[in-house]
Amino acid sequence: MKADKIIKNAKIFTADQNNPQASALAVKDGKFVYVGDEAGLSDYEGEITDLGGRFVMPGIIDSHVHITTGVGFEYVDYGVYIDCGGKQEALDFMADYVKNNPGLERYRFMLERASLNGEDLTRTELDAICPDNELQVLEAEVHSVWVNSKILEKHGITDDTPDPAPGLAYYVRKDGHLTGNAYESAGWPFVFDFLKKNLSDEQIGAAVSRWIEFSKEYGVSAVFDAGFPEHNEIHERIYAYLRDMDKEGKLPIYIDGCYVLTNRKKIKEAVEETKRFRREFDTEHLKVHTLKIFMDGTMKIETAAMVTPYEDTGEKGATTLEANEIAELLEELNEAGLDLHLHTVGERSSRVVLDGVEMARKKLGEDFRVKVTCAHLWIQDDADLERFAKLGVIANYTPAWHSGVIGGEPYKFWSVLLGEKRASSMYRSKTVWDSGALVAWSSDDVAYGDFSTWNPFLGMEIGMTRQITEKTKVDEQQRNVSPLPSENERMNIEEMLLGFTINGAKQLGIEDSKGSIEAGKDADFLVFDNDLLTAEHEGFSHNMPSEVYFCGRKPNR
């Protein structure tokens, strides 16, 4: 057989459990037609490349990213950062800034909630600083925001406006009146509202092109896009742009998309919109078959849902849906042939999902076919660790977080929130992996920036070390002196490679065409000058493919 590309003398990590390593491959018409030893190449004709023992692996599959949110963050103004020692300092800083910069339509600031020393900002105080213009203060994790009355009025938010998800996504009230503080998806419309009128196709194109160039450089051949919460209109615009790119042959990365739900009252609408997205976005490299739900919030501001209360407040957080609602939704998705992907940070959020899956499986039996993925999984209760495997629920972790240094907060910060025992039991990916569950890896960032945190090899390093050292390729100055407990949760390199390849493909439902180097699959593969299987774990994040192939060809750079 005439082949388009033949490679020999390579160390090939195939991610194929039936043929885990090979030394030769052949490609024709964008597909692998042979993978094995060099003796088998006798059936193929064409120019042969001798790799001299270099390492080859499948294309990276990043199974939870935010392409569309990343586009939004390219053009959002986070605001002037306030480094303060208390609430009054923050108010004085903002008052001085407004005075010295008159006439802005909206004044934007950002601060760490902890810098307020337990106090809170109110719209009355913000109105006093800026009564005639809009004023917004973004919490540094971007999961809560303070605004003045002008912004509330602009969005039609009143004392009678219902919370999107009580206890999780809500407007803070005192004596029944809005304080101006909003949590999670209740506040996200304020942050990105200007994009609806001001985001141009040219801006979308410029941002998307940056992401594509990064993906080609690092060898990311497929992703799951986890959506743009509370901004499905903008999310859809970006998908339309990507669809048009693909029709013109300009989208080399496979994107598995979704529709996002944050409000429990809109479940029926969300299912129908996911069906519509499936019809609207169905090209070679862009498909949608998944509903994404934010089941809880974040640990840092204690909106993640917990079984055991937070140590410092005694609160437990809340979930968007309860188990019976998850079960009912799964029945609908099962009938429609759709899948479910959920943001689950706290131990209760993943438990509710597992309970819902158990109910649905009991009712539907062998007819149950929904792929259910729980993403993030910061904290999991002991009783739930083996349920992922038993119920067929996919566990998706972001290993770049597994050092415990997230958003600049060190391990001791989480100990205050969770207590020493639970803080030392974060990110138990190895335990879940060893239970037989399908575990996939992701980079999960919402802003493009320099893409340093999107680096899959950073995730691989920290997944193996649970630490950020002086050798780690990160911009942050803060390093954790010792690994995040427990060291027993460290992964090995084969597990990291599998989680970023075939396991990600299984999550996306594309394992028949991607995720491993097997005859008949798309010829997505990466060539490295060094052997990743034996590379030093500390500093692993500096690895980069020397050659990248998508469907047997080097993508244009």
Protein backbone atom coordinates (compact mmCIF):
# COMPACT_ATOMS: atom_id res chain seq x y z
CA MET A 1 0.00 0.00 0.00
CA LYS A 2 1.19 3.50 -0.81
CA ALA A 3 1.34 5.56 2.39
CA ASP A 4 1.52 9.32 2.81
CA LYS A 5 3.85 9.10 5.80
CA ILE A 6 5.90 6.26 7.28
CA ILE A 7 7.78 6.48 10.59
CA LYS A 8 10.20 3.96 12.04
CA ASN A 9 12.65 3.72 14.94
CA ALA A 10 10.33 5.62 17.27
CA LYS A 11 9.24 5.04 20.88
CA ILE A 12 5.49 5.25 20.43
CA PHE A 13 3.16 5.50 23.43
CA THR A 14 -0.07 4.50 21.70
CA ALA A 15 -2.62 4.85 24.57
CA ASP A 16 -4.06 1.62 23.15
CA GLN A 17 -4.34 -0.95 25.94
CA ASN A 18 -4.14 -3.80 23.41
CA ASN A 19 -0.93 -2.48 21.87
CA PRO A 20 0.56 0.00 24.37
CA GLN A 21 3.91 0.57 22.65
CA ALA A 22 5.11 0.45 19.05
CA SER A 23 8.14 1.48 17.03
CA ALA A 24 6.59 2.22 13.63
CA LEU A 25 3.47 3.68 12.04
CA ALA A 26 2.07 4.53 8.64
CA VAL A 27 -0.46 7.21 7.66
CA LYS A 28 -2.70 7.46 4.62
CA ASP A 29 -5.47 10.00 3.90
CA GLY A 30 -5.20 11.44 7.41
CA LYS A 31 -5.62 8.11 9.20
CA PHE A 32 -3.26 5.66 10.82
CA VAL A 33 -3.20 2.56 8.62
CA TYR A 34 -0.49 0.71 10.52
CA VAL A 35 0.88 0.77 14.08
CA GLY A 36 3.34 -1.87 15.23
CA ASP A 37 6.90 -3.01 14.80
CA GLU A 38 9.13 -2.19 11.86
CA ALA A 39 8.72 -5.61 10.26
CA GLY A 40 5.13 -4.73 9.46
CA LEU A 41 6.20 -1.77 7.34
CA SER A 42 7.06 -4.13 4.51
CA ASP A 43 3.45 -3.86 3.33
CA TYR A 44 3.76 -0.07 2.83
CA GLU A 45 5.50 2.08 0.27
CA GLY A 46 6.60 5.69 0.63
CA GLU A 47 9.26 7.90 2.10
CA ILE A 48 10.35 6.62 5.51
CA THR A 49 11.31 8.92 8.39
CA ASP A 50 13.72 7.48 10.95
CA LEU A 51 13.02 9.21 14.26
CA GLY A 52 16.16 7.90 15.92
CA GLY A 53 14.29 6.65 18.98
CA ARG A 54 12.37 9.85 19.62
CA PHE A 55 9.13 9.73 21.66
CA VAL A 56 5.70 9.80 20.01
CA MET A 57 2.29 10.10 21.66
CA PRO A 58 -1.32 10.81 20.57
CA GLY A 59 -2.60 14.35 20.27
CA ILE A 60 -3.61 15.97 23.59
CA ILE A 61 -7.30 15.98 24.50
CA ASP A 62 -8.13 18.68 27.06
CA SER A 63 -11.53 17.66 28.36
CA HIS A 64 -12.64 20.82 30.18
CA VAL A 65 -11.66 24.26 28.88
CA HIS A 66 -13.47 27.57 28.34
CA ILE A 67 -12.92 28.70 24.76
CA THR A 68 -15.91 31.03 24.59
CA THR A 69 -15.44 32.49 28.08
CA GLY A 70 -11.80 33.01 27.15
CA VAL A 71 -12.88 35.14 24.20
CA GLY A 72 -14.97 37.26 26.57
CA PHE A 73 -12.10 37.70 29.00
CA GLU A 74 -9.88 38.94 26.17
CA TYR A 75 -11.97 42.11 26.15
CA VAL A 76 -13.29 42.42 29.70
CA ASP A 77 -11.85 45.12 31.93
CA TYR A 78 -11.16 43.49 35.30
CA GLY A 79 -10.71 46.89 36.86
CA VAL A 80 -8.07 48.64 38.94
CA TYR A 81 -6.72 46.27 41.59
CA ILE A 82 -7.21 47.44 45.17
CA ASP A 83 -4.50 46.25 47.57
CA CYS A 84 -5.96 47.26 50.88
CA GLY A 85 -5.88 46.40 54.56
CA GLY A 86 -9.60 46.79 55.19
CA LYS A 87 -12.92 48.05 53.95
CA GLN A 88 -12.36 51.75 54.63
CA GLU A 89 -9.08 51.71 52.72
CA ALA A 90 -10.90 50.16 49.76
CA LEU A 91 -13.63 52.80 49.88
CA ASP A 92 -11.10 55.63 50.16
CA PHE A 93 -9.12 54.26 47.22
CA MET A 94 -12.23 54.09 45.02
CA ALA A 95 -13.42 57.54 46.06
CA ASP A 96 -10.04 59.02 45.19
CA TYR A 97 -9.94 57.21 41.84
CA VAL A 98 -13.42 58.40 40.85
CA LYS A 99 -12.53 61.95 41.83
CA ASN A 100 -9.33 61.89 39.75
CA ASN A 101 -10.95 60.17 36.74
CA PRO A 102 -14.27 61.98 36.20
CA GLY A 103 -16.81 61.09 33.55
CA LEU A 104 -16.28 57.33 33.04
CA GLU A 105 -19.40 55.40 32.12
CA ARG A 106 -18.43 52.59 34.49
CA TYR A 107 -15.73 52.48 37.15
CA ARG A 108 -14.26 49.00 37.58
CA PHE A 109 -12.22 47.68 40.48
CA MET A 110 -11.02 44.30 41.73
CA LEU A 111 -10.04 43.07 45.17
CA GLU A 112 -9.65 39.97 47.30
CA ARG A 113 -12.65 39.43 49.55
CA ALA A 114 -10.27 38.51 52.38
CA SER A 115 -8.77 42.00 52.23
CA LEU A 116 -12.05 43.38 53.63
CA ASN A 117 -11.28 41.60 56.93
CA GLY A 118 -14.73 40.09 57.30
CA GLU A 119 -16.64 43.25 56.41
CA ASP A 120 -18.66 43.74 53.24
CA LEU A 121 -19.20 46.52 50.76
CA THR A 122 -22.72 47.85 50.24
CA ARG A 123 -24.37 49.60 47.34
CA THR A 124 -25.16 52.52 49.67
CA GLU A 125 -21.44 53.05 50.19
CA LEU A 126 -20.73 52.61 46.48
CA ASP A 127 -23.56 55.03 45.61
CA ALA A 128 -22.00 57.62 47.91
CA ILE A 129 -18.74 57.33 45.97
CA CYS A 130 -20.35 57.26 42.56
CA PRO A 131 -24.05 58.27 42.48
CA ASP A 132 -24.33 59.21 38.80
CA ASN A 133 -22.25 56.56 37.03
CA GLU A 134 -21.89 52.80 37.21
CA LEU A 135 -19.45 51.30 39.70
CA GLN A 136 -18.43 47.65 39.91
CA VAL A 137 -16.04 45.81 42.25
CA LEU A 138 -15.07 42.33 41.11
CA GLU A 139 -13.98 39.73 43.64
CA ALA A 140 -10.60 38.42 42.48
CA GLU A 141 -11.82 34.86 41.80
CA VAL A 142 -14.56 36.34 39.54
CA HIS A 143 -17.26 34.39 41.39
CA SER A 144 -18.84 37.37 43.17
CA VAL A 145 -19.21 41.08 42.53
CA TRP A 146 -20.35 44.27 44.21
CA VAL A 147 -22.23 46.92 42.22
CA ASN A 148 -23.91 50.23 42.86
CA SER A 149 -27.56 51.07 42.24
CA LYS A 150 -26.95 52.25 38.68
CA ILE A 151 -25.90 48.76 37.57
CA LEU A 152 -28.75 47.06 39.43
CA GLU A 153 -31.21 49.42 37.74
CA LYS A 154 -29.64 48.80 34.33
CA HIS A 155 -30.26 45.07 34.71
CA GLY A 156 -33.71 45.42 36.26
CA ILE A 157 -32.65 43.79 39.53
CA THR A 158 -34.91 44.77 42.43
CA ASP A 159 -35.59 43.57 45.97
CA ASP A 160 -38.22 41.24 44.49
CA THR A 161 -35.97 39.60 41.90
CA PRO A 162 -35.69 35.86 42.68
CA ASP A 163 -32.28 34.29 43.17
CA PRO A 164 -31.15 32.06 40.26
CA ALA A 165 -30.10 29.30 42.70
CA PRO A 166 -30.86 30.11 46.36
CA GLY A 167 -27.86 29.57 48.60
CA LEU A 168 -25.52 29.32 45.62
CA ALA A 169 -26.19 31.98 42.99
CA TYR A 170 -27.96 34.79 44.77
CA TYR A 171 -28.27 38.49 45.54
CA VAL A 172 -27.19 39.34 49.07
CA ARG A 173 -29.99 41.02 50.99
CA LYS A 174 -30.25 42.70 54.37
CA ASP A 175 -33.67 43.17 55.90
CA GLY A 176 -35.12 42.19 52.53
CA HIS A 177 -33.20 44.82 50.56
CA LEU A 178 -30.40 44.34 48.04
CA THR A 179 -26.94 45.15 49.36
CA GLY A 180 -25.37 45.26 45.89
CA ASN A 181 -23.36 42.05 46.36
CA ALA A 182 -24.13 39.10 44.08
CA TYR A 183 -22.68 35.59 44.10
CA GLU A 184 -21.89 33.23 41.23
CA SER A 185 -24.20 33.37 38.19
CA ALA A 186 -26.36 36.07 39.81
CA GLY A 187 -23.50 38.52 39.30
CA TRP A 188 -21.92 37.32 36.04
CA PRO A 189 -24.29 39.30 33.79
CA PHE A 190 -22.97 42.52 35.36
CA VAL A 191 -19.35 41.66 34.54
CA PHE A 192 -19.80 40.92 30.83
CA ASP A 193 -22.87 43.02 29.94
CA PHE A 194 -20.95 45.36 27.63
CA LEU A 195 -19.96 42.45 25.35
CA LYS A 196 -23.46 42.06 23.92
CA LYS A 197 -23.20 45.35 22.05
CA ASN A 198 -19.46 45.80 21.75
CA LEU A 199 -17.96 42.40 20.84
CA SER A 200 -17.19 42.35 17.11
CA ASP A 201 -16.56 39.42 14.81
CA GLU A 202 -13.06 40.77 14.31
CA GLN A 203 -12.42 40.57 18.04
CA ILE A 204 -13.82 37.03 18.21
CA GLY A 205 -11.57 36.05 15.32
CA ALA A 206 -8.46 37.57 16.88
CA ALA A 207 -9.03 35.80 20.20
CA VAL A 208 -9.93 32.44 18.67
CA SER A 209 -6.87 32.61 16.42
CA ARG A 210 -4.65 33.04 19.49
CA TRP A 211 -6.17 29.94 21.08
CA ILE A 212 -5.76 27.92 17.88
CA GLU A 213 -2.08 28.91 17.61
CA PHE A 214 -1.50 27.84 21.22
CA SER A 215 -3.24 24.50 20.57
CA LYS A 216 -1.16 23.83 17.49
CA GLU A 217 2.05 24.64 19.37
CA TYR A 218 1.28 22.35 22.30
CA GLY A 219 -0.40 19.60 20.29
CA VAL A 220 -3.92 19.96 21.68
CA SER A 221 -6.00 18.25 19.02
CA ALA A 222 -9.41 18.13 20.75
CA VAL A 223 -11.18 19.83 23.66
CA PHE A 224 -14.43 19.93 25.57
CA ASP A 225 -15.59 23.53 25.77
CA ALA A 226 -17.38 24.05 29.09
CA GLY A 227 -19.22 27.18 27.96
CA PHE A 228 -19.87 30.77 28.93
CA PRO A 229 -22.23 30.75 31.95
CA GLU A 230 -25.10 33.26 31.89
CA HIS A 231 -24.00 34.36 28.43
CA ASN A 232 -25.34 31.70 26.08
CA GLU A 233 -26.13 34.41 23.53
CA ILE A 234 -22.46 35.38 23.25
CA HIS A 235 -21.48 31.72 23.58
CA GLU A 236 -23.65 30.94 20.55
CA ARG A 237 -22.15 33.80 18.54
CA ILE A 238 -18.68 32.41 19.08
CA TYR A 239 -19.81 28.91 18.14
CA ALA A 240 -21.30 30.35 14.95
CA TYR A 241 -17.94 31.95 14.18
CA LEU A 242 -16.15 28.64 14.82
CA ARG A 243 -18.68 26.78 12.65
CA ASP A 244 -18.03 29.17 9.78
CA MET A 245 -14.29 28.77 10.26
CA ASP A 246 -14.67 25.02 10.06
CA LYS A 247 -16.72 25.22 6.88
CA GLU A 248 -13.87 27.23 5.37
CA GLY A 249 -11.31 24.64 6.46
CA LYS A 250 -9.72 26.94 9.04
CA LEU A 251 -10.51 25.10 12.30
CA PRO A 252 -7.98 22.29 12.88
CA ILE A 253 -8.94 21.56 16.53
CA TYR A 254 -11.93 19.35 17.35
CA ILE A 255 -14.32 21.15 19.72
CA ASP A 256 -16.95 19.26 21.69
CA GLY A 257 -19.29 22.00 22.85
CA CYS A 258 -22.18 22.44 25.24
CA TYR A 259 -25.11 24.58 26.34
CA VAL A 260 -24.85 25.98 29.88
CA LEU A 261 -27.46 25.93 32.65
CA THR A 262 -27.10 27.87 35.91
CA ASN A 263 -30.77 28.44 36.87
CA ARG A 264 -32.84 25.46 38.00
CA LYS A 265 -36.02 27.09 36.71
CA LYS A 266 -34.74 26.88 33.14
CA ILE A 267 -34.16 23.12 32.89
CA LYS A 268 -36.76 22.49 30.19
CA GLU A 269 -35.49 25.43 28.16
CA ALA A 270 -31.89 24.25 28.56
CA VAL A 271 -32.67 20.76 27.25
CA GLU A 272 -34.41 22.21 24.19
CA GLU A 273 -31.58 24.67 23.60
CA THR A 274 -29.02 21.86 23.81
CA LYS A 275 -30.99 20.03 21.12
CA ARG A 276 -31.00 23.18 19.01
CA PHE A 277 -27.26 23.64 19.51
CA ARG A 278 -26.78 20.05 18.35
CA ARG A 279 -28.61 20.87 15.12
CA GLU A 280 -26.96 24.26 14.61
CA PHE A 281 -23.37 23.24 15.30
CA ASP A 282 -22.59 20.02 13.50
CA THR A 283 -19.49 20.34 11.34
CA GLU A 284 -16.35 18.22 11.10
CA HIS A 285 -14.60 19.91 14.02
CA LEU A 286 -17.49 21.37 16.03
CA LYS A 287 -20.27 19.35 17.61
CA VAL A 288 -22.62 19.78 20.58
CA HIS A 289 -24.35 16.97 22.45
CA THR A 290 -23.86 18.02 26.08
CA LEU A 291 -25.73 20.06 28.68
CA LYS A 292 -23.35 21.68 31.18
CA ILE A 293 -24.63 22.53 34.68
CA PHE A 294 -22.99 24.55 37.44
CA MET A 295 -23.93 22.38 40.41
CA ASP A 296 -22.13 24.52 42.98
CA GLY A 297 -19.59 27.31 43.27
CA THR A 298 -16.04 27.61 44.58
CA MET A 299 -14.23 26.74 47.77
CA LYS A 300 -12.57 30.11 48.19
CA ILE A 301 -15.80 32.05 48.74
CA GLU A 302 -17.52 29.01 50.28
CA THR A 303 -20.21 28.54 47.63
CA ALA A 304 -19.04 24.97 46.97
CA ALA A 305 -21.61 22.55 48.42
CA MET A 306 -20.37 20.47 51.35
CA VAL A 307 -21.54 17.42 53.30
CA THR A 308 -19.57 18.55 56.36
CA PRO A 309 -19.84 22.29 57.15
CA TYR A 310 -17.01 24.73 56.52
CA GLU A 311 -14.82 25.01 59.61
CA ASP A 312 -14.85 28.79 59.83
CA THR A 313 -18.51 29.55 59.14
CA GLY A 314 -20.47 26.37 59.79
CA GLU A 315 -22.22 26.81 56.43
CA LYS A 316 -22.61 24.04 53.87
CA GLY A 317 -23.34 25.85 50.61
CA ALA A 318 -26.02 24.68 48.19
CA THR A 319 -26.48 22.84 44.90
CA THR A 320 -28.35 24.01 41.82
CA LEU A 321 -30.35 20.76 41.64
CA GLU A 322 -31.21 17.96 44.04
CA ALA A 323 -30.78 14.25 43.31
CA ASN A 324 -34.37 13.64 42.20
CA GLU A 325 -34.10 16.56 39.77
CA ILE A 326 -30.85 15.15 38.37
CA ALA A 327 -32.58 11.79 37.89
CA GLU A 328 -35.52 13.37 36.06
CA LEU A 329 -33.17 15.40 33.89
CA LEU A 330 -31.15 12.29 33.03
CA GLU A 331 -34.31 10.60 31.80
CA GLU A 332 -34.92 13.51 29.43
CA LEU A 333 -31.33 13.58 28.24
CA ASN A 334 -31.35 9.82 27.78
CA GLU A 335 -34.41 10.03 25.55
CA ALA A 336 -32.86 12.89 23.57
CA GLY A 337 -29.45 11.20 23.19
CA LEU A 338 -27.63 13.97 25.05
CA ASP A 339 -24.88 13.92 27.67
CA LEU A 340 -24.37 15.76 30.98
CA HIS A 341 -21.28 17.59 32.26
CA LEU A 342 -21.31 19.19 35.70
CA HIS A 343 -19.20 21.65 37.68
CA THR A 344 -18.80 19.86 41.03
CA VAL A 345 -16.28 21.35 43.46
CA GLY A 346 -17.67 20.39 46.86
CA GLU A 347 -18.29 16.92 48.24
CA ARG A 348 -22.06 17.34 48.33
CA SER A 349 -22.36 18.47 44.72
CA SER A 350 -20.76 15.29 43.38
CA ARG A 351 -22.76 13.17 45.83
CA VAL A 352 -26.04 14.66 44.61
CA VAL A 353 -25.02 13.86 41.03
CA LEU A 354 -24.06 10.29 41.95
CA ASP A 355 -27.35 9.84 43.80
CA GLY A 356 -29.26 11.14 40.78
CA VAL A 357 -27.39 8.80 38.43
CA GLU A 358 -28.11 5.88 40.73
CA MET A 359 -31.83 6.70 40.67
CA ALA A 360 -31.89 7.07 36.89
CA ARG A 361 -29.94 3.84 36.33
CA LYS A 362 -32.27 1.94 38.62
CA LYS A 363 -35.28 3.13 36.61
CA LEU A 364 -33.85 2.87 33.10
CA GLY A 365 -31.65 -0.18 33.56
CA GLU A 366 -29.70 -1.19 30.47
CA ASP A 367 -31.38 1.59 28.47
CA PHE A 368 -29.36 4.22 30.37
CA ARG A 369 -26.75 5.64 27.98
CA VAL A 370 -26.01 9.22 29.13
CA LYS A 371 -22.33 10.04 29.58
CA VAL A 372 -22.16 11.86 32.92
CA THR A 373 -19.00 13.78 33.85
CA CYS A 374 -18.26 15.46 37.18
CA ALA A 375 -15.56 18.11 36.81
CA HIS A 376 -13.12 19.61 39.35
CA LEU A 377 -13.82 17.42 42.41
CA TRP A 378 -11.81 19.40 44.96
CA ILE A 379 -13.32 17.48 47.87
CA GLN A 380 -14.98 14.07 47.82
CA ASP A 381 -16.50 12.22 50.74
CA ASP A 382 -14.97 8.82 51.54
CA ALA A 383 -18.30 7.11 50.94
CA ASP A 384 -18.46 8.35 47.34
CA LEU A 385 -14.97 7.55 46.06
CA GLU A 386 -15.82 4.13 44.62
CA ARG A 387 -19.25 5.14 43.31
CA PHE A 388 -17.82 6.74 40.15
CA ALA A 389 -16.67 3.35 38.89
CA LYS A 390 -19.80 1.54 40.05
CA LEU A 391 -22.14 4.05 38.40
CA GLY A 392 -20.05 4.74 35.29
CA VAL A 393 -19.66 8.45 36.10
CA ILE A 394 -16.55 10.07 34.59
CA ALA A 395 -14.28 11.96 37.00
CA ASN A 396 -12.64 15.00 35.41
CA TYR A 397 -9.84 16.66 37.38
CA THR A 398 -7.71 19.74 36.71
CA PRO A 399 -4.30 18.48 37.87
CA ALA A 400 -2.62 21.89 37.60
CA TRP A 401 -4.55 22.72 40.79
CA HIS A 402 -3.26 19.70 42.68
CA SER A 403 -0.43 21.59 44.36
CA GLY A 404 -3.03 23.29 46.51
CA VAL A 405 -1.80 26.71 45.43
CA ILE A 406 -4.88 28.07 43.68
CA GLY A 407 -5.39 31.76 43.01
CA GLY A 408 -2.33 32.48 45.12
CA GLU A 409 -3.83 30.79 48.17
CA PRO A 410 -1.57 28.23 49.88
CA TYR A 411 -2.49 25.00 51.64
CA LYS A 412 -2.88 26.73 55.01
CA PHE A 413 -5.72 28.82 53.54
CA TRP A 414 -7.73 25.70 52.73
CA SER A 415 -7.01 24.30 56.21
CA VAL A 416 -8.87 27.22 57.75
CA LEU A 417 -11.90 26.57 55.54
CA LEU A 418 -11.91 22.78 55.65
CA GLY A 419 -9.95 21.75 58.70
CA GLU A 420 -6.63 19.92 58.55
CA LYS A 421 -8.06 16.48 57.78
CA ARG A 422 -10.16 17.48 54.79
CA ALA A 423 -7.55 19.93 53.47
CA SER A 424 -5.06 17.05 53.41
CA SER A 425 -7.56 14.97 51.42
CA MET A 426 -8.11 17.27 48.47
CA TYR A 427 -8.02 16.03 44.86
CA ARG A 428 -8.10 12.27 45.42
CA SER A 429 -7.67 11.45 41.76
CA LYS A 430 -5.37 8.45 42.30
CA THR A 431 -7.87 6.79 44.64
CA VAL A 432 -10.67 7.27 42.12
CA TRP A 433 -8.42 6.07 39.27
CA ASP A 434 -7.46 2.93 41.17
CA SER A 435 -11.12 2.19 41.86
CA GLY A 436 -11.58 1.55 38.13
CA ALA A 437 -13.35 4.79 37.26
CA LEU A 438 -12.69 6.62 34.01
CA VAL A 439 -10.57 9.67 34.93
CA ALA A 440 -9.82 12.45 32.44
CA TRP A 441 -7.62 15.54 32.80
CA SER A 442 -8.24 19.17 31.91
CA SER A 443 -6.67 22.62 32.21
CA ASP A 444 -9.88 24.55 33.00
CA ASP A 445 -9.04 28.22 32.78
CA VAL A 446 -11.43 30.99 31.78
CA ALA A 447 -8.90 33.54 30.49
CA TYR A 448 -6.42 33.12 27.67
CA GLY A 449 -3.68 35.48 28.86
CA ASP A 450 -0.36 33.92 27.85
CA PHE A 451 -1.93 30.42 28.01
CA SER A 452 0.63 29.36 30.64
CA THR A 453 -2.08 27.72 32.76
CA TRP A 454 -3.54 25.98 29.68
CA ASN A 455 -0.27 24.06 29.27
CA PRO A 456 -1.16 20.34 29.48
CA PHE A 457 2.39 19.49 30.49
CA LEU A 458 2.01 21.76 33.52
CA GLY A 459 -1.00 19.67 34.49
CA MET A 460 1.01 16.51 34.00
CA GLU A 461 3.84 17.78 36.21
CA ILE A 462 1.67 18.85 39.12
CA GLY A 463 -0.48 15.74 38.77
CA MET A 464 2.70 13.73 39.36
CA THR A 465 4.31 15.93 42.04
CA ARG A 466 1.36 17.72 43.74
CA GLN A 467 3.78 20.62 44.04
CA ILE A 468 4.99 23.80 42.32
CA THR A 469 8.78 23.94 42.53
CA GLU A 470 11.46 26.27 41.23
CA LYS A 471 11.61 24.08 38.13
CA THR A 472 7.91 24.42 37.31
CA LYS A 473 7.01 26.51 34.28
CA VAL A 474 4.66 29.02 35.92
CA ASP A 475 4.60 32.78 36.27
CA GLU A 476 3.47 32.78 39.89
CA GLN A 477 6.18 33.54 42.40
CA GLN A 478 4.60 31.57 45.22
CA ARG A 479 5.79 27.96 45.52
CA ASN A 480 4.63 25.32 47.94
CA VAL A 481 7.60 24.05 49.92
CA SER A 482 6.22 20.53 50.32
CA PRO A 483 3.76 18.55 48.20
CA LEU A 484 0.06 18.86 48.90
CA PRO A 485 -1.02 15.92 51.05
CA SER A 486 -1.57 13.14 50.43
CA GLU A 487 1.49 12.10 48.46
CA ASN A 488 -0.35 8.80 47.84
CA GLU A 489 -2.55 10.74 45.39
CA ARG A 490 0.37 11.40 43.04
CA MET A 491 -0.20 10.02 39.55
CA ASN A 492 2.42 8.38 37.35
CA ILE A 493 3.33 9.53 33.86
CA GLU A 494 1.42 6.77 32.06
CA GLU A 495 -1.74 7.75 33.94
CA MET A 496 -1.25 11.41 33.07
CA LEU A 497 -0.76 10.57 29.39
CA LEU A 498 -3.83 8.31 29.30
CA GLY A 499 -5.98 10.91 31.04
CA PHE A 500 -4.96 13.54 28.49
CA THR A 501 -5.55 11.21 25.51
CA ILE A 502 -7.80 8.15 25.29
CA ASN A 503 -9.70 8.86 28.53
CA GLY A 504 -10.50 12.37 27.31
CA ALA A 505 -11.64 10.89 24.00
CA LYS A 506 -13.97 8.52 25.85
CA GLN A 507 -15.45 11.42 27.80
CA LEU A 508 -16.13 13.28 24.56
CA GLY A 509 -17.44 10.14 22.87
CA ILE A 510 -14.83 10.27 20.09
CA GLU A 511 -12.73 7.26 21.08
CA ASP A 512 -13.46 5.60 17.73
CA SER A 513 -11.55 8.33 15.91
CA LYS A 514 -9.21 10.03 18.39
CA GLY A 515 -7.29 9.58 21.64
CA SER A 516 -4.89 6.78 20.68
CA ILE A 517 -2.52 5.75 17.94
CA GLU A 518 -4.44 2.91 16.32
CA ALA A 519 -5.10 1.86 12.74
CA GLY A 520 -8.26 3.52 11.48
CA LYS A 521 -8.09 6.56 13.77
CA ASP A 522 -7.24 10.16 12.90
CA ALA A 523 -3.47 10.53 12.63
CA ASP A 524 -3.11 13.08 15.46
CA PHE A 525 0.31 12.60 17.02
CA LEU A 526 3.15 14.49 18.66
CA VAL A 527 6.91 13.96 18.39
CA PHE A 528 9.28 14.86 21.26
CA ASP A 529 13.04 15.06 21.37
CA ASN A 530 13.05 13.55 24.85
CA ASP A 531 11.31 10.50 26.29
CA LEU A 532 8.33 11.61 28.36
CA LEU A 533 8.10 8.22 30.05
CA THR A 534 11.49 8.69 31.70
CA ALA A 535 11.61 12.49 31.99
CA GLU A 536 12.15 14.09 35.40
CA HIS A 537 8.84 14.93 37.02
CA GLU A 538 9.96 18.27 38.46
CA GLY A 539 10.17 20.64 35.53
CA PHE A 540 8.08 18.34 33.31
CA SER A 541 5.99 21.41 32.42
CA HIS A 542 8.80 22.65 30.15
CA ASN A 543 8.24 19.79 27.70
CA MET A 544 7.02 20.76 24.26
CA PRO A 545 6.47 18.69 21.12
CA SER A 546 9.05 19.32 18.42
CA GLU A 547 6.57 18.23 15.75
CA VAL A 548 2.76 18.25 15.76
CA TYR A 549 0.53 16.37 13.34
CA PHE A 550 -3.24 16.70 13.00
CA CYS A 551 -4.72 14.10 10.65
CA GLY A 552 -1.26 13.27 9.41
CA ARG A 553 -0.23 16.80 8.53
CA LYS A 554 1.64 19.55 10.31
CA PRO A 555 -0.85 22.37 10.95
CA ASN A 556 0.01 25.69 9.33
CA ARG A 557 1.80 28.03 11.73
